[in-house]
Amino acid sequence: MNSSILKQRHITPLSRMPAICHGYHLAFTATGYLDNPSFASIESGGTCHGVLYEITYLDFIRLCFYEGVPLEYTVREITVQTYSGIEQRTLTFQAVHYGEKDIPSKHYLDIIISGARENGLDENYIQSII
């Protein structure tokens, strides 16, 4: 997620670092609507890169609200490995309702890509999701 979206949602990360999640991959299978046919989720298998954010409890509640927990997404505990090699237990969101794998809107994909680049995710990984 890029910093402008977090700012719009009044969420201020205390820290952030790129990380890899083994055993899950990014998939655009979360049921979308109107001009955005699908949203991102994680599914079993493969590897997913992302950003590990440290946020306050209040910001976590805000994030849950904006992401539609528990109607659209559920909170899952997973283990990730930071790019510097530290293993960390963390929380992520996984879609409740899955549709067929679909292509997200250009606007939505641009938000994901800009956040990935802003937070220093591996460029080869970024190219694999474009």
Protein backbone atom coordinates (compact mmCIF):
# COMPACT_ATOMS: atom_id res chain seq x y z
CA MET A 1 0.00 0.00 0.00
CA ASN A 2 1.43 3.37 -0.87
CA SER A 3 1.88 6.10 1.72
CA SER A 4 -0.79 8.39 0.22
CA ILE A 5 -3.48 5.74 0.82
CA LEU A 6 -2.30 5.25 4.40
CA LYS A 7 -2.36 9.02 4.92
CA GLN A 8 -5.92 9.24 3.52
CA ARG A 9 -6.92 6.58 6.04
CA HIS A 10 -5.18 8.42 8.91
CA ILE A 11 -2.76 5.53 9.47
CA THR A 12 0.81 6.38 10.44
CA PRO A 13 3.23 3.43 10.43
CA LEU A 14 5.78 3.43 13.23
CA SER A 15 8.11 1.45 10.97
CA ARG A 16 8.01 -0.45 7.70
CA MET A 17 10.21 -2.99 5.97
CA PRO A 18 9.98 -5.21 2.90
CA ALA A 19 9.36 -8.89 3.60
CA ILE A 20 8.71 -12.23 1.90
CA CYS A 21 5.96 -14.66 2.79
CA HIS A 22 6.69 -18.25 1.78
CA GLY A 23 3.69 -20.50 1.34
CA TYR A 24 1.33 -17.83 -0.04
CA HIS A 25 1.11 -15.90 -3.28
CA LEU A 26 -0.60 -12.69 -4.34
CA ALA A 27 -3.83 -13.32 -6.24
CA PHE A 28 -6.49 -10.97 -7.56
CA THR A 29 -9.40 -13.17 -6.55
CA ALA A 30 -11.16 -11.08 -3.91
CA THR A 31 -14.59 -10.21 -5.26
CA GLY A 32 -14.64 -6.71 -6.72
CA TYR A 33 -17.35 -4.37 -7.90
CA LEU A 34 -18.23 -1.96 -10.72
CA ASP A 35 -15.00 -0.51 -12.17
CA ASN A 36 -12.69 -2.84 -10.23
CA PRO A 37 -13.42 -6.50 -10.99
CA SER A 38 -11.06 -7.89 -8.33
CA PHE A 39 -8.98 -7.00 -5.30
CA ALA A 40 -5.79 -8.49 -3.92
CA SER A 41 -5.66 -11.38 -1.50
CA ILE A 42 -3.22 -14.12 -0.59
CA GLU A 43 -3.73 -17.75 -1.50
CA SER A 44 -1.86 -20.89 -0.48
CA GLY A 45 1.27 -21.84 -2.38
CA GLY A 46 4.17 -19.91 -3.79
CA THR A 47 5.83 -16.78 -2.48
CA CYS A 48 4.57 -13.25 -1.93
CA HIS A 49 6.54 -10.08 -1.27
CA GLY A 50 5.02 -7.27 0.75
CA VAL A 51 5.56 -4.59 3.34
CA LEU A 52 5.65 -5.35 7.05
CA TYR A 53 4.13 -2.34 8.83
CA GLU A 54 4.35 -1.69 12.56
CA ILE A 55 1.22 0.26 13.52
CA THR A 56 -0.64 1.15 16.70
CA TYR A 57 -3.69 -0.79 17.84
CA LEU A 58 -5.92 2.18 16.91
CA ASP A 59 -4.42 2.28 13.40
CA PHE A 60 -4.97 -1.49 13.10
CA ILE A 61 -8.67 -0.97 13.94
CA ARG A 62 -8.83 1.77 11.28
CA LEU A 63 -7.15 -0.50 8.73
CA CYS A 64 -9.61 -3.31 9.51
CA PHE A 65 -12.49 -0.88 8.96
CA TYR A 66 -11.15 0.32 5.60
CA GLU A 67 -10.38 -3.20 4.41
CA GLY A 68 -13.85 -4.46 5.30
CA VAL A 69 -13.03 -6.87 8.13
CA PRO A 70 -14.89 -9.18 8.76
CA LEU A 71 -17.24 -8.97 5.75
CA GLU A 72 -14.70 -8.72 2.92
CA TYR A 73 -11.45 -9.85 4.54
CA THR A 74 -10.44 -11.92 7.54
CA VAL A 75 -7.32 -11.37 9.63
CA ARG A 76 -4.73 -14.18 9.48
CA GLU A 77 -1.52 -14.65 11.41
CA ILE A 78 1.41 -15.62 9.18
CA THR A 79 5.19 -15.79 9.36
CA VAL A 80 7.26 -13.60 7.06
CA GLN A 81 10.96 -13.06 6.57
CA THR A 82 12.25 -9.52 6.19
CA TYR A 83 14.66 -8.80 3.36
CA SER A 84 17.35 -8.60 6.07
CA GLY A 85 16.57 -12.23 7.06
CA ILE A 86 14.60 -11.77 10.30
CA GLU A 87 11.58 -14.06 10.78
CA GLN A 88 8.52 -12.27 12.13
CA ARG A 89 4.97 -13.31 13.00
CA THR A 90 2.50 -10.77 11.63
CA LEU A 91 -1.11 -10.23 10.66
CA THR A 92 -2.42 -10.00 7.12
CA PHE A 93 -5.78 -9.84 5.40
CA GLN A 94 -7.20 -12.69 3.35
CA ALA A 95 -10.36 -12.39 1.26
CA VAL A 96 -13.53 -13.97 2.58
CA HIS A 97 -15.24 -14.15 -0.82
CA TYR A 98 -13.27 -15.48 -3.74
CA GLY A 99 -14.24 -15.03 -7.32
CA GLU A 100 -12.52 -16.24 -10.42
CA LYS A 101 -9.00 -14.93 -10.81
CA ASP A 102 -9.40 -11.65 -12.63
CA ILE A 103 -7.37 -8.68 -13.74
CA PRO A 104 -7.62 -5.72 -11.36
CA SER A 105 -8.35 -2.23 -12.64
CA LYS A 106 -5.36 -0.23 -13.85
CA HIS A 107 -5.90 2.29 -11.04
CA TYR A 108 -5.87 -0.42 -8.35
CA LEU A 109 -2.80 -2.13 -9.81
CA ASP A 110 -1.01 1.25 -10.03
CA ILE A 111 -1.61 1.75 -6.28
CA ILE A 112 -0.10 -1.66 -5.53
CA ILE A 113 2.89 -1.11 -7.82
CA SER A 114 3.62 2.40 -6.53
CA GLY A 115 3.48 1.14 -2.93
CA ALA A 116 5.77 -1.76 -3.79
CA ARG A 117 8.34 0.56 -5.37
CA GLU A 118 8.03 3.18 -2.65
CA ASN A 119 8.80 0.51 -0.04
CA GLY A 120 11.70 -1.09 -1.90
CA LEU A 121 10.19 -4.42 -2.92
CA ASP A 122 12.26 -6.56 -5.25
CA GLU A 123 11.89 -5.22 -8.81
CA ASN A 124 11.80 -8.72 -10.31
CA TYR A 125 8.83 -9.51 -8.07
CA ILE A 126 7.11 -6.26 -9.04
CA GLN A 127 7.57 -7.11 -12.73
CA SER A 128 6.00 -10.52 -12.13
CA ILE A 129 2.72 -8.97 -10.94
CA ILE A 130 2.40 -6.27 -13.60
